[in-house]
PDB file of N, CA and C in Angstrom:
ATOM      1  N   UNK A   1      10.283 -15.283   3.061  1.00  0.00           N
ATOM      2  CA  UNK A   1       9.309 -14.234   2.882  1.00  0.00           C
ATOM      3  C   UNK A   1       9.033 -13.587   4.230  1.00  0.00           C
ATOM      4  N   UNK A   2       8.991 -12.264   4.226  1.00  0.00           N
ATOM      5  CA  UNK A   2       8.731 -11.536   5.457  1.00  0.00           C
ATOM      6  C   UNK A   2       7.426 -10.768   5.384  1.00  0.00           C
ATOM      7  N   UNK A   3       7.051 -10.158   6.503  1.00  0.00           N
ATOM      8  CA  UNK A   3       5.843  -9.337   6.512  1.00  0.00           C
ATOM      9  C   UNK A   3       6.014  -8.142   7.437  1.00  0.00           C
ATOM     10  N   UNK A   4       5.296  -7.077   7.120  1.00  0.00           N
ATOM     11  CA  UNK A   4       5.300  -5.838   7.883  1.00  0.00           C
ATOM     12  C   UNK A   4       3.866  -5.423   8.155  1.00  0.00           C
ATOM     13  N   UNK A   5       3.665  -4.698   9.242  1.00  0.00           N
ATOM     14  CA  UNK A   5       2.363  -4.124   9.554  1.00  0.00           C
ATOM     15  C   UNK A   5       2.399  -2.634   9.247  1.00  0.00           C
ATOM     16  N   UNK A   6       1.248  -2.095   8.850  1.00  0.00           N
ATOM     17  CA  UNK A   6       1.190  -0.680   8.533  1.00  0.00           C
ATOM     18  C   UNK A   6      -0.213  -0.235   8.223  1.00  0.00           C
ATOM     19  N   UNK A   7      -0.317   0.810   7.393  1.00  0.00           N
ATOM     20  CA  UNK A   7      -1.625   1.358   7.046  1.00  0.00           C
ATOM     21  C   UNK A   7      -1.620   1.822   5.592  1.00  0.00           C
ATOM     22  N   UNK A   8      -2.823   1.910   5.043  1.00  0.00           N
ATOM     23  CA  UNK A   8      -3.019   2.401   3.685  1.00  0.00           C
ATOM     24  C   UNK A   8      -4.120   3.451   3.743  1.00  0.00           C
ATOM     25  N   UNK A   9      -3.869   4.613   3.148  1.00  0.00           N
ATOM     26  CA  UNK A   9      -4.873   5.669   3.112  1.00  0.00           C
ATOM     27  C   UNK A   9      -5.012   6.203   1.695  1.00  0.00           C
ATOM     28  N   UNK A  10      -6.240   6.486   1.323  1.00  0.00           N
ATOM     29  CA  UNK A  10      -6.556   7.093   0.041  1.00  0.00           C
ATOM     30  C   UNK A  10      -6.737   8.559   0.329  1.00  0.00           C
ATOM     31  N   UNK A  11      -5.828   9.420  -0.166  1.00  0.00           N
ATOM     32  CA  UNK A  11      -5.883  10.825   0.237  1.00  0.00           C
ATOM     33  C   UNK A  11      -6.605  11.724  -0.757  1.00  0.00           C
ATOM     34  N   UNK A  12      -6.915  11.201  -1.927  1.00  0.00           N
ATOM     35  CA  UNK A  12      -7.725  11.946  -2.889  1.00  0.00           C
ATOM     36  C   UNK A  12      -8.359  10.931  -3.814  1.00  0.00           C
ATOM     37  N   UNK A  13      -9.119  11.376  -4.769  1.00  0.00           N
ATOM     38  CA  UNK A  13      -9.820  10.444  -5.652  1.00  0.00           C
ATOM     39  C   UNK A  13      -8.870   9.567  -6.455  1.00  0.00           C
ATOM     40  N   UNK A  14      -7.625  10.018  -6.676  1.00  0.00           N
ATOM     41  CA  UNK A  14      -6.718   9.261  -7.548  1.00  0.00           C
ATOM     42  C   UNK A  14      -5.324   9.031  -6.958  1.00  0.00           C
ATOM     43  N   UNK A  15      -5.146   9.152  -5.645  1.00  0.00           N
ATOM     44  CA  UNK A  15      -3.845   8.922  -5.009  1.00  0.00           C
ATOM     45  C   UNK A  15      -4.009   8.189  -3.685  1.00  0.00           C
ATOM     46  N   UNK A  16      -3.006   7.340  -3.358  1.00  0.00           N
ATOM     47  CA  UNK A  16      -3.026   6.666  -2.075  1.00  0.00           C
ATOM     48  C   UNK A  16      -1.606   6.554  -1.520  1.00  0.00           C
ATOM     49  N   UNK A  17      -1.518   6.273  -0.224  1.00  0.00           N
ATOM     50  CA  UNK A  17      -0.240   6.090   0.458  1.00  0.00           C
ATOM     51  C   UNK A  17      -0.309   4.829   1.318  1.00  0.00           C
ATOM     52  N   UNK A  18       0.748   4.031   1.246  1.00  0.00           N
ATOM     53  CA  UNK A  18       0.889   2.849   2.099  1.00  0.00           C
ATOM     54  C   UNK A  18       2.161   3.045   2.920  1.00  0.00           C
ATOM     55  N   UNK A  19       2.076   2.900   4.224  1.00  0.00           N
ATOM     56  CA  UNK A  19       3.209   3.132   5.116  1.00  0.00           C
ATOM     57  C   UNK A  19       3.389   1.928   6.023  1.00  0.00           C
ATOM     58  N   UNK A  20       4.650   1.445   6.102  1.00  0.00           N
ATOM     59  CA  UNK A  20       4.981   0.282   6.917  1.00  0.00           C
ATOM     60  C   UNK A  20       6.256   0.556   7.692  1.00  0.00           C
ATOM     61  N   UNK A  21       6.379  -0.054   8.874  1.00  0.00           N
ATOM     62  CA  UNK A  21       7.544   0.169   9.723  1.00  0.00           C
ATOM     63  C   UNK A  21       8.308  -1.134   9.944  1.00  0.00           C
ATOM     64  N   UNK A  22       9.628  -1.058   9.710  1.00  0.00           N
ATOM     65  CA  UNK A  22      10.512  -2.196   9.959  1.00  0.00           C
ATOM     66  C   UNK A  22      10.895  -2.253  11.433  1.00  0.00           C
ATOM     67  N   UNK A  23      11.350  -3.404  11.897  1.00  0.00           N
ATOM     68  CA  UNK A  23      11.764  -3.577  13.286  1.00  0.00           C
ATOM     69  C   UNK A  23      12.898  -2.636  13.689  1.00  0.00           C
ATOM     70  N   UNK A  24      13.731  -2.219  12.730  1.00  0.00           N
ATOM     71  CA  UNK A  24      14.871  -1.355  13.033  1.00  0.00           C
ATOM     72  C   UNK A  24      14.509   0.125  13.125  1.00  0.00           C
ATOM     73  N   UNK A  25      13.220   0.458  13.057  1.00  0.00           N
ATOM     74  CA  UNK A  25      12.787   1.846  13.192  1.00  0.00           C
ATOM     75  C   UNK A  25      12.632   2.583  11.881  1.00  0.00           C
ATOM     76  N   UNK A  26      13.004   1.980  10.771  1.00  0.00           N
ATOM     77  CA  UNK A  26      12.861   2.614   9.462  1.00  0.00           C
ATOM     78  C   UNK A  26      11.416   2.490   8.993  1.00  0.00           C
ATOM     79  N   UNK A  27      10.875   3.592   8.505  1.00  0.00           N
ATOM     80  CA  UNK A  27       9.540   3.610   7.934  1.00  0.00           C
ATOM     81  C   UNK A  27       9.663   3.675   6.423  1.00  0.00           C
ATOM     82  N   UNK A  28       8.923   2.835   5.723  1.00  0.00           N
ATOM     83  CA  UNK A  28       8.906   2.855   4.264  1.00  0.00           C
ATOM     84  C   UNK A  28       7.504   3.214   3.810  1.00  0.00           C
ATOM     85  N   UNK A  29       7.423   4.075   2.788  1.00  0.00           N
ATOM     86  CA  UNK A  29       6.126   4.535   2.293  1.00  0.00           C
ATOM     87  C   UNK A  29       6.065   4.415   0.776  1.00  0.00           C
ATOM     88  N   UNK A  30       4.917   4.036   0.289  1.00  0.00           N
ATOM     89  CA  UNK A  30       4.662   3.965  -1.142  1.00  0.00           C
ATOM     90  C   UNK A  30       3.561   4.959  -1.458  1.00  0.00           C
ATOM     91  N   UNK A  31       3.831   5.888  -2.376  1.00  0.00           N
ATOM     92  CA  UNK A  31       2.830   6.848  -2.832  1.00  0.00           C
ATOM     93  C   UNK A  31       2.486   6.502  -4.262  1.00  0.00           C
ATOM     94  N   UNK A  32       1.219   6.207  -4.509  1.00  0.00           N
ATOM     95  CA  UNK A  32       0.824   5.753  -5.831  1.00  0.00           C
ATOM     96  C   UNK A  32      -0.365   6.491  -6.399  1.00  0.00           C
ATOM     97  N   UNK A  33      -0.418   6.497  -7.721  1.00  0.00           N
ATOM     98  CA  UNK A  33      -1.579   7.030  -8.420  1.00  0.00           C
ATOM     99  C   UNK A  33      -2.472   5.869  -8.818  1.00  0.00           C
ATOM    100  N   UNK A  34      -3.705   6.161  -9.150  1.00  0.00           N
ATOM    101  CA  UNK A  34      -4.670   5.129  -9.542  1.00  0.00           C
ATOM    102  C   UNK A  34      -5.258   5.479 -10.899  1.00  0.00           C
ATOM    103  N   UNK A  35      -5.653   4.472 -11.650  1.00  0.00           N
ATOM    104  CA  UNK A  35      -6.142   4.665 -13.013  1.00  0.00           C
ATOM    105  C   UNK A  35      -7.589   5.135 -13.095  1.00  0.00           C
ATOM    106  N   UNK A  36      -8.288   5.232 -11.988  1.00  0.00           N
ATOM    107  CA  UNK A  36      -9.671   5.706 -12.004  1.00  0.00           C
ATOM    108  C   UNK A  36      -9.998   6.396 -10.685  1.00  0.00           C
ATOM    109  N   UNK A  37     -10.986   7.249 -10.725  1.00  0.00           N
ATOM    110  CA  UNK A  37     -11.432   7.948  -9.529  1.00  0.00           C
ATOM    111  C   UNK A  37     -12.311   7.016  -8.699  1.00  0.00           C
ATOM    112  N   UNK A  38     -12.140   7.066  -7.385  1.00  0.00           N
ATOM    113  CA  UNK A  38     -12.963   6.245  -6.500  1.00  0.00           C
ATOM    114  C   UNK A  38     -13.066   6.875  -5.124  1.00  0.00           C
ATOM    115  N   UNK A  39     -13.893   6.293  -4.277  1.00  0.00           N
ATOM    116  CA  UNK A  39     -14.098   6.795  -2.917  1.00  0.00           C
ATOM    117  C   UNK A  39     -12.817   6.720  -2.090  1.00  0.00           C
ATOM    118  N   UNK A  40     -12.692   7.648  -1.157  1.00  0.00           N
ATOM    119  CA  UNK A  40     -11.591   7.573  -0.204  1.00  0.00           C
ATOM    120  C   UNK A  40     -11.828   6.410   0.754  1.00  0.00           C
ATOM    121  N   UNK A  41     -10.710   5.826   1.241  1.00  0.00           N
ATOM    122  CA  UNK A  41     -10.819   4.755   2.221  1.00  0.00           C
ATOM    123  C   UNK A  41      -9.574   4.745   3.083  1.00  0.00           C
ATOM    124  N   UNK A  42      -9.618   3.951   4.153  1.00  0.00           N
ATOM    125  CA  UNK A  42      -8.471   3.797   5.038  1.00  0.00           C
ATOM    126  C   UNK A  42      -8.419   2.372   5.566  1.00  0.00           C
ATOM    127  N   UNK A  43      -7.195   1.850   5.649  1.00  0.00           N
ATOM    128  CA  UNK A  43      -6.926   0.546   6.252  1.00  0.00           C
ATOM    129  C   UNK A  43      -5.871   0.795   7.315  1.00  0.00           C
ATOM    130  N   UNK A  44      -6.241   0.740   8.583  1.00  0.00           N
ATOM    131  CA  UNK A  44      -5.271   1.029   9.647  1.00  0.00           C
ATOM    132  C   UNK A  44      -4.512  -0.211  10.101  1.00  0.00           C
ATOM    133  N   UNK A  45      -4.928  -1.394   9.653  1.00  0.00           N
ATOM    134  CA  UNK A  45      -4.218  -2.620  10.006  1.00  0.00           C
ATOM    135  C   UNK A  45      -3.928  -3.422   8.737  1.00  0.00           C
ATOM    136  N   UNK A  46      -3.024  -2.877   7.914  1.00  0.00           N
ATOM    137  CA  UNK A  46      -2.631  -3.534   6.667  1.00  0.00           C
ATOM    138  C   UNK A  46      -1.408  -4.418   6.913  1.00  0.00           C
ATOM    139  N   UNK A  47      -1.264  -5.427   6.086  1.00  0.00           N
ATOM    140  CA  UNK A  47      -0.097  -6.315   6.113  1.00  0.00           C
ATOM    141  C   UNK A  47       0.542  -6.311   4.737  1.00  0.00           C
ATOM    142  N   UNK A  48       1.861  -6.154   4.713  1.00  0.00           N
ATOM    143  CA  UNK A  48       2.630  -6.234   3.463  1.00  0.00           C
ATOM    144  C   UNK A  48       3.562  -7.429   3.564  1.00  0.00           C
ATOM    145  N   UNK A  49       3.459  -8.357   2.633  1.00  0.00           N
ATOM    146  CA  UNK A  49       4.404  -9.474   2.568  1.00  0.00           C
ATOM    147  C   UNK A  49       5.364  -9.201   1.420  1.00  0.00           C
ATOM    148  N   UNK A  50       6.611  -9.639   1.582  1.00  0.00           N
ATOM    149  CA  UNK A  50       7.650  -9.329   0.598  1.00  0.00           C
ATOM    150  C   UNK A  50       8.641 -10.471   0.506  1.00  0.00           C
ATOM    151  N   UNK A  51       9.486 -10.414  -0.541  1.00  0.00           N
ATOM    152  CA  UNK A  51      10.501 -11.451  -0.756  1.00  0.00           C
ATOM    153  C   UNK A  51      11.895 -10.974  -0.364  1.00  0.00           C
ATOM    154  N   UNK A  52      12.264  -9.755  -0.769  1.00  0.00           N
ATOM    155  CA  UNK A  52      13.620  -9.255  -0.565  1.00  0.00           C
ATOM    156  C   UNK A  52      13.570  -7.861   0.037  1.00  0.00           C
ATOM    157  N   UNK A  53      13.906  -7.741   1.294  1.00  0.00           N
ATOM    158  CA  UNK A  53      13.791  -6.472   2.012  1.00  0.00           C
ATOM    159  C   UNK A  53      14.631  -5.361   1.380  1.00  0.00           C
ATOM    160  N   UNK A  54      15.748  -5.703   0.756  1.00  0.00           N
ATOM    161  CA  UNK A  54      16.628  -4.684   0.171  1.00  0.00           C
ATOM    162  C   UNK A  54      16.164  -4.193  -1.186  1.00  0.00           C
ATOM    163  N   UNK A  55      15.393  -4.973  -1.928  1.00  0.00           N
ATOM    164  CA  UNK A  55      14.990  -4.595  -3.285  1.00  0.00           C
ATOM    165  C   UNK A  55      13.517  -4.240  -3.422  1.00  0.00           C
ATOM    166  N   UNK A  56      12.666  -4.862  -2.635  1.00  0.00           N
ATOM    167  CA  UNK A  56      11.232  -4.731  -2.844  1.00  0.00           C
ATOM    168  C   UNK A  56      10.667  -3.371  -2.456  1.00  0.00           C
ATOM    169  N   UNK A  57      11.314  -2.656  -1.542  1.00  0.00           N
ATOM    170  CA  UNK A  57      10.802  -1.381  -1.038  1.00  0.00           C
ATOM    171  C   UNK A  57      11.615  -0.197  -1.545  1.00  0.00           C
ATOM    172  N   UNK A  58      12.034  -0.238  -2.798  1.00  0.00           N
ATOM    173  CA  UNK A  58      12.853   0.837  -3.368  1.00  0.00           C
ATOM    174  C   UNK A  58      12.416   1.123  -4.794  1.00  0.00           C
ATOM    175  N   UNK A  59      12.526   2.385  -5.182  1.00  0.00           N
ATOM    176  CA  UNK A  59      12.300   2.762  -6.567  1.00  0.00           C
ATOM    177  C   UNK A  59      10.850   2.989  -6.935  1.00  0.00           C
ATOM    178  N   UNK A  60      10.656   3.166  -8.227  1.00  0.00           N
ATOM    179  CA  UNK A  60       9.324   3.386  -8.801  1.00  0.00           C
ATOM    180  C   UNK A  60       8.804   2.058  -9.331  1.00  0.00           C
ATOM    181  N   UNK A  61       7.567   1.725  -8.961  1.00  0.00           N
ATOM    182  CA  UNK A  61       7.004   0.422  -9.324  1.00  0.00           C
ATOM    183  C   UNK A  61       5.537   0.575  -9.723  1.00  0.00           C
ATOM    184  N   UNK A  62       5.109  -0.266 -10.657  1.00  0.00           N
ATOM    185  CA  UNK A  62       3.696  -0.375 -10.985  1.00  0.00           C
ATOM    186  C   UNK A  62       2.993  -1.186  -9.911  1.00  0.00           C
ATOM    187  N   UNK A  63       1.694  -1.019  -9.800  1.00  0.00           N
ATOM    188  CA  UNK A  63       0.916  -1.802  -8.853  1.00  0.00           C
ATOM    189  C   UNK A  63      -0.429  -2.159  -9.497  1.00  0.00           C
ATOM    190  N   UNK A  64      -1.078  -3.201  -8.949  1.00  0.00           N
ATOM    191  CA  UNK A  64      -2.393  -3.615  -9.443  1.00  0.00           C
ATOM    192  C   UNK A  64      -3.112  -4.351  -8.330  1.00  0.00           C
ATOM    193  N   UNK A  65      -4.435  -4.414  -8.438  1.00  0.00           N
ATOM    194  CA  UNK A  65      -5.177  -5.155  -7.449  1.00  0.00           C
ATOM    195  C   UNK A  65      -6.639  -4.797  -7.403  1.00  0.00           C
ATOM    196  N   UNK A  66      -7.251  -5.144  -6.264  1.00  0.00           N
ATOM    197  CA  UNK A  66      -8.677  -4.906  -6.054  1.00  0.00           C
ATOM    198  C   UNK A  66      -8.869  -4.137  -4.759  1.00  0.00           C
ATOM    199  N   UNK A  67      -9.627  -3.054  -4.875  1.00  0.00           N
ATOM    200  CA  UNK A  67     -10.110  -2.352  -3.685  1.00  0.00           C
ATOM    201  C   UNK A  67     -11.560  -2.799  -3.560  1.00  0.00           C
ATOM    202  N   UNK A  68     -11.809  -3.720  -2.659  1.00  0.00           N
ATOM    203  CA  UNK A  68     -13.149  -4.268  -2.499  1.00  0.00           C
ATOM    204  C   UNK A  68     -14.025  -3.374  -1.639  1.00  0.00           C
ATOM    205  N   UNK A  69     -15.256  -3.777  -1.457  1.00  0.00           N
ATOM    206  CA  UNK A  69     -16.155  -3.001  -0.617  1.00  0.00           C
ATOM    207  C   UNK A  69     -15.716  -3.016   0.840  1.00  0.00           C
ATOM    208  N   UNK A  70     -15.010  -4.102   1.250  1.00  0.00           N
ATOM    209  CA  UNK A  70     -14.622  -4.235   2.650  1.00  0.00           C
ATOM    210  C   UNK A  70     -13.131  -4.482   2.867  1.00  0.00           C
ATOM    211  N   UNK A  71     -12.351  -4.701   1.796  1.00  0.00           N
ATOM    212  CA  UNK A  71     -10.937  -5.037   1.962  1.00  0.00           C
ATOM    213  C   UNK A  71     -10.127  -4.625   0.729  1.00  0.00           C
ATOM    214  N   UNK A  72      -8.796  -4.635   0.906  1.00  0.00           N
ATOM    215  CA  UNK A  72      -7.904  -4.388  -0.220  1.00  0.00           C
ATOM    216  C   UNK A  72      -7.030  -5.614  -0.434  1.00  0.00           C
ATOM    217  N   UNK A  73      -6.596  -5.765  -1.681  1.00  0.00           N
ATOM    218  CA  UNK A  73      -5.681  -6.841  -2.058  1.00  0.00           C
ATOM    219  C   UNK A  73      -4.912  -6.332  -3.268  1.00  0.00           C
ATOM    220  N   UNK A  74      -3.751  -5.724  -3.023  1.00  0.00           N
ATOM    221  CA  UNK A  74      -2.966  -5.142  -4.115  1.00  0.00           C
ATOM    222  C   UNK A  74      -1.543  -5.690  -4.095  1.00  0.00           C
ATOM    223  N   UNK A  75      -0.900  -5.649  -5.235  1.00  0.00           N
ATOM    224  CA  UNK A  75       0.482  -6.085  -5.362  1.00  0.00           C
ATOM    225  C   UNK A  75       1.285  -4.959  -5.985  1.00  0.00           C
ATOM    226  N   UNK A  76       2.377  -4.601  -5.329  1.00  0.00           N
ATOM    227  CA  UNK A  76       3.251  -3.518  -5.789  1.00  0.00           C
ATOM    228  C   UNK A  76       4.520  -4.136  -6.347  1.00  0.00           C
ATOM    229  N   UNK A  77       4.827  -3.823  -7.593  1.00  0.00           N
ATOM    230  CA  UNK A  77       6.050  -4.311  -8.216  1.00  0.00           C
ATOM    231  C   UNK A  77       6.124  -5.819  -8.333  1.00  0.00           C
ATOM    232  N   UNK A  78       5.002  -6.486  -8.412  1.00  0.00           N
ATOM    233  CA  UNK A  78       4.917  -7.945  -8.538  1.00  0.00           C
ATOM    234  C   UNK A  78       5.472  -8.716  -7.349  1.00  0.00           C
ATOM    235  N   UNK A  79       5.876  -8.031  -6.267  1.00  0.00           N
ATOM    236  CA  UNK A  79       6.459  -8.749  -5.130  1.00  0.00           C
ATOM    237  C   UNK A  79       5.912  -8.354  -3.761  1.00  0.00           C
ATOM    238  N   UNK A  80       5.522  -7.117  -3.560  1.00  0.00           N
ATOM    239  CA  UNK A  80       4.980  -6.692  -2.267  1.00  0.00           C
ATOM    240  C   UNK A  80       3.461  -6.826  -2.335  1.00  0.00           C
ATOM    241  N   UNK A  81       2.918  -7.724  -1.503  1.00  0.00           N
ATOM    242  CA  UNK A  81       1.488  -8.007  -1.493  1.00  0.00           C
ATOM    243  C   UNK A  81       0.886  -7.337  -0.261  1.00  0.00           C
ATOM    244  N   UNK A  82      -0.054  -6.412  -0.483  1.00  0.00           N
ATOM    245  CA  UNK A  82      -0.674  -5.638   0.601  1.00  0.00           C
ATOM    246  C   UNK A  82      -2.137  -6.043   0.738  1.00  0.00           C
ATOM    247  N   UNK A  83      -2.509  -6.432   1.956  1.00  0.00           N
ATOM    248  CA  UNK A  83      -3.890  -6.818   2.228  1.00  0.00           C
ATOM    249  C   UNK A  83      -4.364  -6.159   3.521  1.00  0.00           C
ATOM    250  N   UNK A  84      -5.666  -6.078   3.679  1.00  0.00           N
ATOM    251  CA  UNK A  84      -6.230  -5.560   4.911  1.00  0.00           C
ATOM    252  C   UNK A  84      -7.700  -5.253   4.760  1.00  0.00           C
ATOM    253  N   UNK A  85      -8.381  -5.096   5.883  1.00  0.00           N
ATOM    254  CA  UNK A  85      -9.804  -4.758   5.899  1.00  0.00           C
ATOM    255  C   UNK A  85      -9.969  -3.244   5.962  1.00  0.00           C
ATOM    256  N   UNK A  86     -10.897  -2.724   5.171  1.00  0.00           N
ATOM    257  CA  UNK A  86     -11.197  -1.297   5.206  1.00  0.00           C
ATOM    258  C   UNK A  86     -11.808  -0.936   6.554  1.00  0.00           C
ATOM    259  N   UNK A  87     -11.464   0.236   7.065  1.00  0.00           N
ATOM    260  CA  UNK A  87     -12.069   0.688   8.320  1.00  0.00           C
ATOM    261  C   UNK A  87     -13.584   0.840   8.166  1.00  0.00           C
ATOM    262  N   UNK A  88     -14.012   1.363   7.001  1.00  0.00           N
ATOM    263  CA  UNK A  88     -15.432   1.538   6.685  1.00  0.00           C
ATOM    264  C   UNK A  88     -15.652   1.057   5.262  1.00  0.00           C
ATOM    265  N   UNK A  89     -16.758   0.383   5.030  1.00  0.00           N
ATOM    266  CA  UNK A  89     -17.060  -0.138   3.694  1.00  0.00           C
ATOM    267  C   UNK A  89     -17.237   1.000   2.688  1.00  0.00           C
ATOM    268  N   UNK A  90     -16.930   0.711   1.424  1.00  0.00           N
ATOM    269  CA  UNK A  90     -17.183   1.657   0.337  1.00  0.00           C
ATOM    270  C   UNK A  90     -18.311   1.083  -0.522  1.00  0.00           C
ATOM    271  N   UNK A  91     -18.858   1.921  -1.421  1.00  0.00           N
ATOM    272  CA  UNK A  91     -20.043   1.528  -2.185  1.00  0.00           C
ATOM    273  C   UNK A  91     -19.799   0.421  -3.202  1.00  0.00           C
ATOM    274  N   UNK A  92     -18.629   0.423  -3.864  1.00  0.00           N
ATOM    275  CA  UNK A  92     -18.401  -0.546  -4.938  1.00  0.00           C
ATOM    276  C   UNK A  92     -16.954  -1.012  -4.961  1.00  0.00           C
ATOM    277  N   UNK A  93     -16.761  -2.276  -5.341  1.00  0.00           N
ATOM    278  CA  UNK A  93     -15.414  -2.814  -5.519  1.00  0.00           C
ATOM    279  C   UNK A  93     -14.839  -2.305  -6.842  1.00  0.00           C
ATOM    280  N   UNK A  94     -13.509  -2.140  -6.900  1.00  0.00           N
ATOM    281  CA  UNK A  94     -12.843  -1.658  -8.099  1.00  0.00           C
ATOM    282  C   UNK A  94     -11.580  -2.462  -8.366  1.00  0.00           C
ATOM    283  N   UNK A  95     -11.402  -2.906  -9.603  1.00  0.00           N
ATOM    284  CA  UNK A  95     -10.130  -3.468 -10.040  1.00  0.00           C
ATOM    285  C   UNK A  95      -9.311  -2.293 -10.537  1.00  0.00           C
ATOM    286  N   UNK A  96      -8.127  -2.105  -9.952  1.00  0.00           N
ATOM    287  CA  UNK A  96      -7.366  -0.876 -10.186  1.00  0.00           C
ATOM    288  C   UNK A  96      -5.896  -1.176 -10.468  1.00  0.00           C
ATOM    289  N   UNK A  97      -5.205  -0.175 -10.987  1.00  0.00           N
ATOM    290  CA  UNK A  97      -3.758  -0.254 -11.181  1.00  0.00           C
ATOM    291  C   UNK A  97      -3.202   1.153 -11.253  1.00  0.00           C
ATOM    292  N   UNK A  98      -1.880   1.252 -11.210  1.00  0.00           N
ATOM    293  CA  UNK A  98      -1.245   2.551 -11.280  1.00  0.00           C
ATOM    294  C   UNK A  98       0.257   2.427 -11.116  1.00  0.00           C
ATOM    295  N   UNK A  99       0.862   3.530 -10.727  1.00  0.00           N
ATOM    296  CA  UNK A  99       2.313   3.594 -10.588  1.00  0.00           C
ATOM    297  C   UNK A  99       2.636   4.484  -9.402  1.00  0.00           C
ATOM    298  N   UNK A 100       3.741   4.180  -8.735  1.00  0.00           N
ATOM    299  CA  UNK A 100       4.137   4.985  -7.586  1.00  0.00           C
ATOM    300  C   UNK A 100       5.572   4.724  -7.192  1.00  0.00           C
ATOM    301  N   UNK A 101       6.001   5.377  -6.119  1.00  0.00           N
ATOM    302  CA  UNK A 101       7.394   5.279  -5.675  1.00  0.00           C
ATOM    303  C   UNK A 101       7.486   5.003  -4.184  1.00  0.00           C
ATOM    304  N   UNK A 102       8.530   4.233  -3.824  1.00  0.00           N
ATOM    305  CA  UNK A 102       8.863   3.954  -2.424  1.00  0.00           C
ATOM    306  C   UNK A 102       9.848   4.997  -1.912  1.00  0.00           C
ATOM    307  N   UNK A 103       9.671   5.420  -0.666  1.00  0.00           N
ATOM    308  CA  UNK A 103      10.646   6.244   0.042  1.00  0.00           C
ATOM    309  C   UNK A 103      10.801   5.661   1.438  1.00  0.00           C
ATOM    310  N   UNK A 104      11.970   5.854   2.050  1.00  0.00           N
ATOM    311  CA  UNK A 104      12.211   5.360   3.405  1.00  0.00           C
ATOM    312  C   UNK A 104      12.796   6.451   4.259  1.00  0.00           C
ATOM    313  N   UNK A 105      12.497   6.391   5.559  1.00  0.00           N
ATOM    314  CA  UNK A 105      13.075   7.355   6.497  1.00  0.00           C
ATOM    315  C   UNK A 105      13.243   6.683   7.848  1.00  0.00           C
ATOM    316  N   UNK A 106      14.265   7.095   8.569  1.00  0.00           N
ATOM    317  CA  UNK A 106      14.543   6.545   9.886  1.00  0.00           C
ATOM    318  C   UNK A 106      13.875   7.423  10.921  1.00  0.00           C
ATOM    319  N   UNK A 107      13.233   6.796  11.905  1.00  0.00           N
ATOM    320  CA  UNK A 107      12.620   7.548  12.987  1.00  0.00           C
ATOM    321  C   UNK A 107      13.519   7.580  14.219  1.00  0.00           C
ATOM    322  N   UNK A 108      14.664   6.910  14.125  1.00  0.00           N
ATOM    323  CA  UNK A 108      15.603   6.902  15.247  1.00  0.00           C
ATOM    324  C   UNK A 108      16.599   8.027  15.076  1.00  0.00           C
ATOM    325  N   UNK A 109      17.037   8.621  16.170  1.00  0.00           N
ATOM    326  CA  UNK A 109      18.001   9.710  16.134  1.00  0.00           C
ATOM    327  C   UNK A 109      19.343   9.226  16.621  1.00  0.00           C
TER     328      UNK A 109
END
C-alpha cells in the first residue's frame, strides 16, 4: 500500500477536486460531484492511500465518506482512501457520496 500527499478543494456547493502528485512528477486529479449541497471547504494537507498505482487512479469511480466539521474521510472507488484536516471548520458534518473521474498530467517537460 502506498500514499500520496495533496489537497482537496470544494469549488461549488456540489463539486470537489482532489489533486495528488507522484514522485515521478505526474499529477493525478479526481473531480467529483456530491449528492447534496454543502459549505465550501479546503484541505491543503490531504493524504491518499492506495493499493495499485496503475489501476486506482484511472477512470470514473463512485466515492463515499464523511465531510466532518474539522476533517474529511472519503473513499474513492473502494480503494483510494483520502483523509485530512479542514483548513477552517464548517458548520455541520455530512455523510456524502457521488461520482467522478480521475485524470493525470505530467509536469515534467
